[in-house]
N, C-alpha and C. Protein backbone atom coordinates (compact mmCIF):
# COMPACT_ATOMS: atom_id res chain seq x y z
N MET A 1 104.79 106.78 91.93
CA MET A 1 105.28 108.20 91.85
C MET A 1 106.22 108.29 90.87
N LYS A 2 106.20 109.31 89.94
CA LYS A 2 107.12 109.59 88.84
C LYS A 2 108.17 110.54 89.30
N LYS A 3 109.20 110.56 88.59
CA LYS A 3 110.44 111.56 88.77
C LYS A 3 109.91 112.90 88.71
N GLU A 4 108.87 113.22 87.87
CA GLU A 4 108.36 114.54 87.61
C GLU A 4 107.58 115.01 88.98
N ASP A 5 106.92 114.03 89.47
CA ASP A 5 106.14 114.36 90.76
C ASP A 5 107.19 114.87 91.87
N LEU A 6 108.29 114.18 92.02
CA LEU A 6 109.19 114.57 92.91
C LEU A 6 109.91 115.79 92.60
N LEU A 7 110.21 116.05 91.47
CA LEU A 7 110.84 117.36 90.88
C LEU A 7 109.83 118.46 91.24
N ASN A 8 108.64 118.22 91.11
CA ASN A 8 107.69 119.33 91.12
C ASN A 8 107.04 119.35 92.61
N ILE A 9 107.67 118.70 93.53
CA ILE A 9 107.28 118.75 94.93
C ILE A 9 107.01 120.22 95.38
N HIS A 10 105.93 120.41 96.13
CA HIS A 10 105.59 121.72 96.65
C HIS A 10 105.01 121.62 98.12
N LEU A 11 105.58 122.01 99.09
CA LEU A 11 104.91 122.14 100.41
C LEU A 11 104.30 123.45 100.67
N PRO A 12 102.97 123.55 101.21
CA PRO A 12 102.38 124.88 101.26
C PRO A 12 103.27 125.82 102.29
N ARG A 13 103.45 126.95 101.65
CA ARG A 13 104.23 127.99 102.55
C ARG A 13 103.26 128.58 103.55
N TRP A 14 103.76 129.38 104.44
CA TRP A 14 102.99 130.01 105.49
C TRP A 14 101.97 130.94 104.90
N SER A 15 102.30 131.66 103.93
CA SER A 15 101.29 132.53 103.21
C SER A 15 100.19 131.74 102.47
N GLU A 16 100.35 130.52 102.24
CA GLU A 16 99.39 129.64 101.57
C GLU A 16 98.45 129.05 102.60
N PHE A 17 98.67 129.06 103.80
CA PHE A 17 97.77 128.52 104.82
C PHE A 17 96.57 129.41 104.81
N PRO A 18 95.33 128.79 105.13
CA PRO A 18 94.20 129.70 105.28
C PRO A 18 94.37 130.82 106.18
N ALA A 19 93.74 131.90 105.86
CA ALA A 19 93.94 133.17 106.70
C ALA A 19 93.03 133.13 107.94
N PHE A 20 92.21 132.00 108.13
CA PHE A 20 91.30 131.85 109.28
C PHE A 20 91.60 130.62 109.98
N ASP A 21 91.23 130.49 111.20
CA ASP A 21 91.44 129.33 111.98
C ASP A 21 90.55 128.06 111.52
N LEU A 22 91.04 126.89 111.65
CA LEU A 22 90.33 125.71 111.16
C LEU A 22 89.88 124.79 112.34
N TYR A 23 88.82 124.05 112.09
CA TYR A 23 88.43 123.02 112.93
C TYR A 23 89.20 121.80 112.61
N ILE A 24 89.21 120.85 113.48
CA ILE A 24 90.08 119.60 113.33
C ILE A 24 89.81 118.85 111.98
N ASP A 25 88.52 118.73 111.52
CA ASP A 25 88.34 118.08 110.34
C ASP A 25 88.82 118.87 109.20
N GLN A 26 88.85 120.11 109.11
CA GLN A 26 89.37 120.98 108.09
C GLN A 26 90.93 120.89 108.11
N VAL A 27 91.54 120.77 109.37
CA VAL A 27 92.98 120.62 109.48
C VAL A 27 93.37 119.33 108.85
N LEU A 28 92.65 118.24 109.12
CA LEU A 28 93.02 116.94 108.62
C LEU A 28 92.82 116.89 107.11
N ALA A 29 91.78 117.59 106.62
CA ALA A 29 91.58 117.65 105.08
C ALA A 29 92.73 118.46 104.44
N PHE A 30 93.10 119.42 104.97
CA PHE A 30 94.19 120.34 104.56
C PHE A 30 95.45 119.57 104.50
N LEU A 31 95.87 118.95 105.61
CA LEU A 31 97.10 118.14 105.64
C LEU A 31 97.06 117.00 104.58
N GLY A 32 95.98 116.28 104.58
CA GLY A 32 95.80 115.19 103.60
C GLY A 32 96.02 115.59 102.17
N ASP A 33 95.35 116.74 101.85
CA ASP A 33 95.46 117.16 100.40
C ASP A 33 96.81 117.80 100.10
N ASN A 34 97.50 118.40 101.16
CA ASN A 34 98.75 119.11 100.81
C ASN A 34 100.02 118.14 100.96
N LEU A 35 99.76 116.95 101.68
CA LEU A 35 100.92 116.14 101.93
C LEU A 35 100.69 114.80 101.38
N GLU A 36 99.81 114.69 100.33
CA GLU A 36 99.57 113.42 99.85
C GLU A 36 100.77 112.67 99.30
N ILE A 37 101.81 113.26 98.86
CA ILE A 37 102.98 112.75 98.26
C ILE A 37 103.62 111.95 99.37
N PHE A 38 103.46 112.34 100.55
CA PHE A 38 104.30 111.66 101.76
C PHE A 38 103.47 110.47 102.34
N ASN A 39 102.21 110.32 101.91
CA ASN A 39 101.43 109.25 102.43
C ASN A 39 101.68 107.94 101.73
N ARG A 40 102.39 107.01 102.55
CA ARG A 40 102.90 105.84 101.93
C ARG A 40 101.58 104.81 101.61
N ASN A 41 100.58 104.91 102.29
CA ASN A 41 99.49 104.10 102.17
C ASN A 41 98.14 104.89 102.16
N PRO A 42 97.60 105.13 100.84
CA PRO A 42 96.59 106.08 100.75
C PRO A 42 95.28 105.45 101.36
N GLU A 43 95.25 104.19 101.55
CA GLU A 43 93.99 103.62 102.20
C GLU A 43 93.86 104.03 103.69
N ASP A 44 94.96 104.34 104.24
CA ASP A 44 94.97 104.71 105.61
C ASP A 44 95.07 106.27 105.85
N ALA A 45 94.50 106.77 106.85
CA ALA A 45 94.60 108.14 107.12
C ALA A 45 96.06 108.57 107.39
N PHE A 46 96.36 109.67 106.71
CA PHE A 46 97.89 110.08 106.96
C PHE A 46 98.05 110.65 108.27
N VAL A 47 97.07 111.49 108.83
CA VAL A 47 96.97 111.91 110.17
C VAL A 47 95.57 111.93 110.76
N THR A 48 95.41 111.60 111.91
CA THR A 48 94.12 111.49 112.53
C THR A 48 93.97 112.37 113.70
N GLN A 49 92.66 112.60 114.08
CA GLN A 49 92.43 113.52 115.16
C GLN A 49 93.07 113.01 116.50
N ALA A 50 93.19 111.59 116.63
CA ALA A 50 93.89 111.11 117.83
C ALA A 50 95.35 111.44 117.78
N MET A 51 95.90 111.38 116.51
CA MET A 51 97.35 111.72 116.46
C MET A 51 97.67 113.13 116.86
N VAL A 52 96.76 114.14 116.43
CA VAL A 52 96.86 115.47 116.72
C VAL A 52 96.67 115.69 118.27
N ASN A 53 95.70 115.03 118.75
CA ASN A 53 95.49 115.11 120.43
C ASN A 53 96.71 114.64 121.11
N ASN A 54 97.42 113.54 120.48
CA ASN A 54 98.57 113.13 121.06
C ASN A 54 99.71 114.07 121.14
N TYR A 55 99.77 114.76 119.96
CA TYR A 55 100.93 115.82 119.86
C TYR A 55 100.64 117.00 120.93
N VAL A 56 99.37 117.21 121.10
CA VAL A 56 98.98 118.23 122.15
C VAL A 56 99.35 117.76 123.45
N LYS A 57 98.86 116.57 123.64
CA LYS A 57 99.22 115.99 125.07
C LYS A 57 100.74 115.96 125.39
N THR A 58 101.51 115.59 124.42
CA THR A 58 102.91 115.49 124.51
C THR A 58 103.67 116.90 124.64
N GLY A 59 102.88 118.02 124.36
CA GLY A 59 103.52 119.41 124.32
C GLY A 59 104.19 119.63 123.02
N VAL A 60 104.20 118.95 122.05
CA VAL A 60 104.91 119.22 120.83
C VAL A 60 103.86 120.29 119.93
N LEU A 61 102.69 120.24 120.28
CA LEU A 61 101.74 121.21 119.63
C LEU A 61 100.99 121.78 120.70
N HIS A 62 100.73 122.96 120.66
CA HIS A 62 99.91 123.76 121.74
C HIS A 62 98.48 123.54 121.45
N ALA A 63 97.74 123.52 122.53
CA ALA A 63 96.33 123.23 122.44
C ALA A 63 95.62 124.26 121.59
N PRO A 64 94.54 123.70 120.77
CA PRO A 64 93.75 124.63 119.92
C PRO A 64 93.08 125.61 120.75
N ILE A 65 92.75 126.68 120.18
CA ILE A 65 92.00 127.86 120.98
C ILE A 65 90.54 127.66 120.43
N LYS A 66 89.76 127.48 121.45
CA LYS A 66 88.31 127.31 121.19
C LYS A 66 88.11 126.21 120.14
N LYS A 67 88.66 125.17 120.09
CA LYS A 67 88.69 124.04 119.20
C LYS A 67 89.17 124.36 117.71
N LYS A 68 89.89 125.44 117.64
CA LYS A 68 90.33 125.86 116.35
C LYS A 68 91.86 125.89 116.28
N TYR A 69 92.39 125.55 115.08
CA TYR A 69 93.82 125.67 114.83
C TYR A 69 94.25 126.71 113.87
N ASN A 70 95.37 127.34 114.31
CA ASN A 70 95.83 128.39 113.45
C ASN A 70 96.98 128.13 112.48
N ARG A 71 97.68 129.04 111.90
CA ARG A 71 98.63 128.73 111.00
C ARG A 71 99.92 128.10 111.71
N GLU A 72 100.10 128.59 112.93
CA GLU A 72 101.26 127.94 113.70
C GLU A 72 101.04 126.40 113.85
N HIS A 73 99.76 126.17 114.22
CA HIS A 73 99.56 124.75 114.36
C HIS A 73 99.70 123.94 113.07
N LEU A 74 99.23 124.58 111.92
CA LEU A 74 99.50 123.90 110.60
C LEU A 74 100.94 123.74 110.27
N ALA A 75 101.71 124.66 110.54
CA ALA A 75 103.11 124.61 110.17
C ALA A 75 103.86 123.58 111.07
N LYS A 76 103.49 123.47 112.34
CA LYS A 76 104.13 122.50 113.20
C LYS A 76 103.54 121.06 112.71
N LEU A 77 102.37 120.92 112.39
CA LEU A 77 101.76 119.65 111.90
C LEU A 77 102.31 119.15 110.65
N VAL A 78 102.60 120.06 109.78
CA VAL A 78 103.37 119.67 108.56
C VAL A 78 104.72 119.11 108.86
N VAL A 79 105.37 119.76 109.68
CA VAL A 79 106.67 119.29 110.06
C VAL A 79 106.70 117.84 110.74
N ILE A 80 105.66 117.78 111.66
CA ILE A 80 105.48 116.51 112.42
C ILE A 80 105.17 115.36 111.45
N CYS A 81 104.07 115.72 110.58
CA CYS A 81 103.56 114.58 109.68
C CYS A 81 104.73 114.19 108.67
N ILE A 82 105.54 115.01 108.24
CA ILE A 82 106.42 114.42 107.19
C ILE A 82 107.66 113.96 107.77
N SER A 83 107.98 114.22 109.13
CA SER A 83 109.16 113.79 109.76
C SER A 83 108.99 112.58 110.75
N LYS A 84 107.72 112.22 111.03
CA LYS A 84 107.51 111.19 112.16
C LYS A 84 107.97 109.81 111.76
N ARG A 85 108.07 109.43 110.56
CA ARG A 85 108.53 108.13 110.19
C ARG A 85 109.94 107.83 110.55
N MET A 86 110.80 108.89 110.60
CA MET A 86 112.21 108.62 110.72
C MET A 86 112.81 109.13 112.02
N LEU A 87 111.99 109.84 112.79
CA LEU A 87 112.59 110.48 113.93
C LEU A 87 111.59 110.46 115.18
N PRO A 88 112.18 110.35 116.36
CA PRO A 88 111.23 110.32 117.52
C PRO A 88 110.64 111.82 117.60
N LEU A 89 109.51 111.76 118.20
CA LEU A 89 108.84 113.04 118.42
C LEU A 89 109.66 114.04 119.23
N SER A 90 110.50 113.61 120.09
CA SER A 90 111.31 114.55 120.88
C SER A 90 112.33 115.32 119.96
N HIS A 91 112.88 114.61 118.92
CA HIS A 91 113.82 115.27 117.98
C HIS A 91 112.98 116.15 117.06
N ILE A 92 111.83 115.76 116.68
CA ILE A 92 110.97 116.73 115.82
C ILE A 92 110.60 117.94 116.67
N ALA A 93 110.45 117.82 117.89
CA ALA A 93 110.08 118.95 118.79
C ALA A 93 111.28 119.90 118.87
N GLU A 94 112.48 119.38 118.84
CA GLU A 94 113.67 120.27 118.81
C GLU A 94 113.73 121.03 117.60
N SER A 95 113.50 120.46 116.44
CA SER A 95 113.37 121.21 115.16
C SER A 95 112.29 122.25 115.16
N ILE A 96 111.12 121.99 115.74
CA ILE A 96 110.11 122.88 115.84
C ILE A 96 110.60 124.13 116.73
N THR A 97 111.18 123.80 117.83
CA THR A 97 111.75 124.91 118.70
C THR A 97 112.58 125.83 117.89
N VAL A 98 113.49 125.35 117.03
CA VAL A 98 114.34 126.03 116.19
C VAL A 98 113.48 127.02 115.26
N MET A 99 112.42 126.50 114.77
CA MET A 99 111.49 127.17 113.87
C MET A 99 110.76 128.27 114.57
N THR A 100 110.41 127.99 115.85
CA THR A 100 109.47 128.91 116.54
C THR A 100 110.28 129.94 117.30
N ARG A 101 111.41 129.69 117.95
CA ARG A 101 112.07 130.52 118.82
C ARG A 101 113.28 131.23 118.27
N VAL A 102 114.05 130.51 117.38
CA VAL A 102 115.23 130.99 116.81
C VAL A 102 115.03 131.79 115.52
N LEU A 103 114.15 131.15 114.65
CA LEU A 103 114.03 131.87 113.35
C LEU A 103 112.67 132.57 113.20
N GLU A 104 111.83 132.48 114.10
CA GLU A 104 110.51 132.90 114.06
C GLU A 104 109.73 131.90 113.12
N ILE A 105 108.56 131.61 113.48
CA ILE A 105 107.73 130.41 112.93
C ILE A 105 107.67 130.61 111.44
N GLU A 106 107.30 131.75 110.96
CA GLU A 106 107.03 131.95 109.57
C GLU A 106 108.22 131.77 108.78
N LYS A 107 109.42 132.37 109.12
CA LYS A 107 110.62 132.23 108.39
C LYS A 107 111.21 130.76 108.57
N GLY A 108 111.10 130.20 109.88
CA GLY A 108 111.60 128.87 110.05
C GLY A 108 110.88 127.83 109.22
N TYR A 109 109.52 127.94 109.20
CA TYR A 109 108.73 127.00 108.48
C TYR A 109 108.97 127.15 107.02
N ASP A 110 108.99 128.33 106.55
CA ASP A 110 109.15 128.47 105.01
C ASP A 110 110.56 127.91 104.60
N THR A 111 111.65 128.20 105.51
CA THR A 111 112.89 127.74 105.24
C THR A 111 113.02 126.11 105.26
N PHE A 112 112.32 125.58 106.12
CA PHE A 112 112.24 124.09 106.14
C PHE A 112 111.58 123.58 104.88
N CYS A 113 110.43 124.20 104.42
CA CYS A 113 109.85 123.87 103.22
C CYS A 113 110.78 123.91 102.03
N GLU A 114 111.59 124.99 101.89
CA GLU A 114 112.47 125.17 100.79
C GLU A 114 113.58 124.07 100.83
N GLU A 115 113.95 123.77 102.08
CA GLU A 115 115.05 122.80 102.26
C GLU A 115 114.60 121.38 101.77
N VAL A 116 113.34 120.98 102.21
CA VAL A 116 112.84 119.74 101.81
C VAL A 116 112.64 119.57 100.37
N GLU A 117 112.08 120.60 99.72
CA GLU A 117 111.99 120.53 98.32
C GLU A 117 113.35 120.47 97.59
N TYR A 118 114.25 121.25 97.95
CA TYR A 118 115.59 121.14 97.34
C TYR A 118 116.18 119.73 97.48
N GLU A 119 116.13 119.33 98.71
CA GLU A 119 116.67 117.92 99.02
C GLU A 119 116.01 116.80 98.31
N VAL A 120 114.75 116.99 98.08
CA VAL A 120 114.08 115.82 97.20
C VAL A 120 114.59 116.01 95.80
N ARG A 121 114.62 117.17 95.28
CA ARG A 121 115.07 117.39 93.91
C ARG A 121 116.62 116.95 93.72
N SER A 122 117.31 117.22 94.88
CA SER A 122 118.71 116.79 94.80
C SER A 122 118.87 115.22 94.65
N CYS A 123 118.02 114.52 95.51
CA CYS A 123 118.18 112.97 95.34
C CYS A 123 117.70 112.49 93.90
N VAL A 124 116.75 113.29 93.28
CA VAL A 124 116.20 112.79 91.97
C VAL A 124 117.13 113.27 90.89
N ASP A 125 117.64 114.43 90.88
CA ASP A 125 118.48 115.08 89.82
C ASP A 125 119.71 115.78 90.33
N PRO A 126 120.63 115.00 90.90
CA PRO A 126 121.79 115.67 91.53
C PRO A 126 122.53 116.54 90.60
N ASP A 127 122.57 116.41 89.28
CA ASP A 127 123.28 117.21 88.33
C ASP A 127 122.76 118.68 88.41
N LYS A 128 121.45 118.73 88.38
CA LYS A 128 120.84 119.94 88.35
C LYS A 128 120.69 120.67 89.86
N TYR A 129 120.67 119.74 90.86
CA TYR A 129 120.38 120.22 92.22
C TYR A 129 121.56 119.48 93.05
N PRO A 130 122.66 120.11 92.92
CA PRO A 130 123.86 119.29 93.75
C PRO A 130 123.71 119.34 95.25
N THR A 131 124.19 118.43 95.82
CA THR A 131 124.17 118.38 97.33
C THR A 131 124.69 119.48 97.96
N ARG A 132 124.15 120.04 98.83
CA ARG A 132 124.69 121.28 99.60
C ARG A 132 125.06 120.80 100.97
N PRO A 133 126.35 120.87 101.34
CA PRO A 133 126.82 120.40 102.54
C PRO A 133 126.33 121.20 103.61
N LEU A 134 126.19 120.57 104.86
CA LEU A 134 125.59 121.29 105.95
C LEU A 134 126.52 122.49 106.41
N GLU A 135 127.82 122.37 106.05
CA GLU A 135 128.69 123.50 106.44
C GLU A 135 128.37 124.77 105.57
N SER A 136 127.71 124.62 104.46
CA SER A 136 127.44 125.78 103.70
C SER A 136 126.21 126.52 104.19
N ALA A 137 125.55 126.09 105.20
CA ALA A 137 124.21 126.70 105.69
C ALA A 137 124.77 127.97 106.45
N ASP A 138 123.97 128.95 106.47
CA ASP A 138 124.33 130.22 107.10
C ASP A 138 124.50 130.17 108.59
N THR A 139 123.61 129.30 109.18
CA THR A 139 123.86 129.08 110.62
C THR A 139 123.58 127.71 110.92
N ARG A 140 123.91 127.33 112.26
CA ARG A 140 123.87 125.94 112.74
C ARG A 140 122.24 125.58 112.71
N ASN A 141 121.39 126.52 112.96
CA ASN A 141 119.91 126.33 112.87
C ASN A 141 119.43 125.86 111.59
N ILE A 142 119.90 126.65 110.56
CA ILE A 142 119.58 126.39 109.26
C ILE A 142 120.31 124.91 108.89
N ALA A 143 121.35 124.68 109.39
CA ALA A 143 122.01 123.30 109.09
C ALA A 143 121.15 122.27 109.74
N MET A 144 120.65 122.47 110.87
CA MET A 144 119.74 121.50 111.54
C MET A 144 118.50 121.26 110.65
N LEU A 145 117.82 122.26 110.14
CA LEU A 145 116.75 122.13 109.36
C LEU A 145 117.07 121.41 108.03
N ARG A 146 118.23 121.70 107.50
CA ARG A 146 118.66 121.06 106.31
C ARG A 146 118.93 119.65 106.45
N SER A 147 119.33 119.31 107.71
CA SER A 147 119.63 117.84 107.99
C SER A 147 118.41 117.12 108.10
N LEU A 148 117.27 117.80 108.83
CA LEU A 148 116.09 117.16 108.85
C LEU A 148 115.40 117.01 107.54
N ALA A 149 115.51 117.91 106.68
CA ALA A 149 114.97 117.98 105.44
C ALA A 149 115.53 116.93 104.55
N SER A 150 116.86 116.72 104.68
CA SER A 150 117.59 115.55 103.93
C SER A 150 117.05 114.21 104.37
N ALA A 151 116.74 114.13 105.66
CA ALA A 151 116.26 112.81 106.15
C ALA A 151 114.84 112.64 105.48
N VAL A 152 114.05 113.57 105.63
CA VAL A 152 112.62 113.51 105.04
C VAL A 152 112.66 113.20 103.50
N ALA A 153 113.57 113.73 102.72
CA ALA A 153 113.81 113.62 101.30
C ALA A 153 114.21 112.19 101.06
N SER A 154 115.19 111.67 101.70
CA SER A 154 115.69 110.37 101.49
C SER A 154 114.67 109.24 101.71
N VAL A 155 113.77 109.40 102.79
CA VAL A 155 112.78 108.38 103.03
C VAL A 155 111.67 108.51 102.01
N LEU A 156 111.37 109.73 101.49
CA LEU A 156 110.35 109.83 100.49
C LEU A 156 110.83 109.12 99.07
N VAL A 157 112.14 109.44 98.83
CA VAL A 157 112.64 108.88 97.56
C VAL A 157 112.72 107.35 97.77
N PHE A 158 113.14 106.96 98.86
CA PHE A 158 113.18 105.51 99.06
C PHE A 158 111.87 104.78 98.92
N ASP A 159 110.89 105.39 99.55
CA ASP A 159 109.48 104.93 99.39
C ASP A 159 108.99 104.83 97.92
N CYS A 160 109.50 105.70 97.02
CA CYS A 160 109.18 105.77 95.61
C CYS A 160 109.91 104.49 94.99
N PHE A 161 111.10 104.18 95.48
CA PHE A 161 111.78 103.00 94.85
C PHE A 161 111.00 101.76 95.35
N ILE A 162 110.67 101.71 96.50
CA ILE A 162 109.97 100.51 96.92
C ILE A 162 108.66 100.36 96.23
N GLU A 163 107.93 101.42 96.17
CA GLU A 163 106.64 101.36 95.38
C GLU A 163 106.87 101.06 93.96
N ARG A 164 107.84 101.45 93.33
CA ARG A 164 108.20 101.05 91.91
C ARG A 164 108.45 99.55 91.86
N ARG A 165 109.22 99.12 92.74
CA ARG A 165 109.79 97.69 92.80
C ARG A 165 108.50 96.73 93.03
N ARG A 166 107.66 97.10 93.92
CA ARG A 166 106.42 96.34 94.10
C ARG A 166 105.55 96.33 92.92
N ARG A 167 105.44 97.40 92.20
CA ARG A 167 104.54 97.44 91.01
C ARG A 167 105.15 96.53 90.01
N LEU A 168 106.53 96.65 89.77
CA LEU A 168 107.16 95.78 88.77
C LEU A 168 107.11 94.29 89.17
N SER A 169 107.22 93.97 90.47
CA SER A 169 107.15 92.58 90.90
C SER A 169 105.73 92.05 90.59
N SER A 170 104.66 92.83 90.89
CA SER A 170 103.31 92.52 90.62
C SER A 170 103.06 92.20 89.16
N VAL A 171 103.65 93.07 88.27
CA VAL A 171 103.45 92.82 86.81
C VAL A 171 104.13 91.58 86.45
N VAL A 172 105.38 91.34 86.93
CA VAL A 172 105.99 90.09 86.65
C VAL A 172 105.27 88.89 87.10
N ARG A 173 104.66 88.97 88.28
CA ARG A 173 103.92 87.83 88.73
C ARG A 173 102.81 87.61 87.92
N ASN A 174 102.06 88.67 87.50
CA ASN A 174 100.90 88.58 86.51
C ASN A 174 101.26 87.87 85.22
N ILE A 175 102.48 88.29 84.65
CA ILE A 175 102.75 87.74 83.42
C ILE A 175 103.07 86.30 83.56
N LYS A 176 103.82 85.82 84.65
CA LYS A 176 104.11 84.43 84.86
C LYS A 176 102.86 83.53 85.02
N ASN A 177 101.84 84.33 85.66
CA ASN A 177 100.64 83.45 85.81
C ASN A 177 99.65 83.34 84.56
N VAL A 178 100.07 84.11 83.61
CA VAL A 178 99.20 84.05 82.33
C VAL A 178 99.56 82.89 81.45
């Protein structure tokens, strides 16, 4: 992944979600297409039906209605999918609670997306995107979402470093074998 990819990161906003409810295969395709940058291993499924079912069983995600998932499901799944590597599901559930009860889901979700994008850009180009301290957040709830966004951004950027290092090591090995 290149620096430009990280600087141009975009998470789908609430208004960009389909205006109609989706079946699970459509949900998985939507998440796979829109969160590709977060998928460490493109050979493996980023999210599966079994994972989504588990999120419903644990209560982090409410059950689909007549086997269909709406915008609220999608918003929660985006947060879960990009956060699950660094946090236990119970902590992610707390963040989702902030998004759904304190800020209202649309505003909370879009705020989270904005925070993730800014934090990724801040990791890549801190001169242009200076670090924003948690104390500068308008509320404790925004600070919480910013903190989660920072963790997501740090792991994403770390993955890019690892990926680059592995590619360079592979090139060096190939040169040595020639």
